Amino acid sequence: MPGPEPKRAEPTQLPLSLAGDPSALEGLAKQPSRHPWAWLLSRVFAVDIMTCPRCRGAMRLVKIAN
């Protein structure tokens, strides 16, 4: 004959330490990180677009395509 089921404790909700003061939360928000396009392309395609593949010299911007 099984015994009585144990009673489950109700979950307790912890109070927020910054409740009621929205200006305090603004300082904690992380700003989105921005990376230069050359860094993003080198990470995705594993190439260094700022270095010439033939002479290993620094590349420069010649023209922007529209």
Foldseek 3Di string as FASTA:
>chain_A
DDDDDDDDDDDDDDDDPCPPPVVVVVVVDDDDDDDDPQVVCCVVVVDRPQADPPPRHGDDDDDDDD
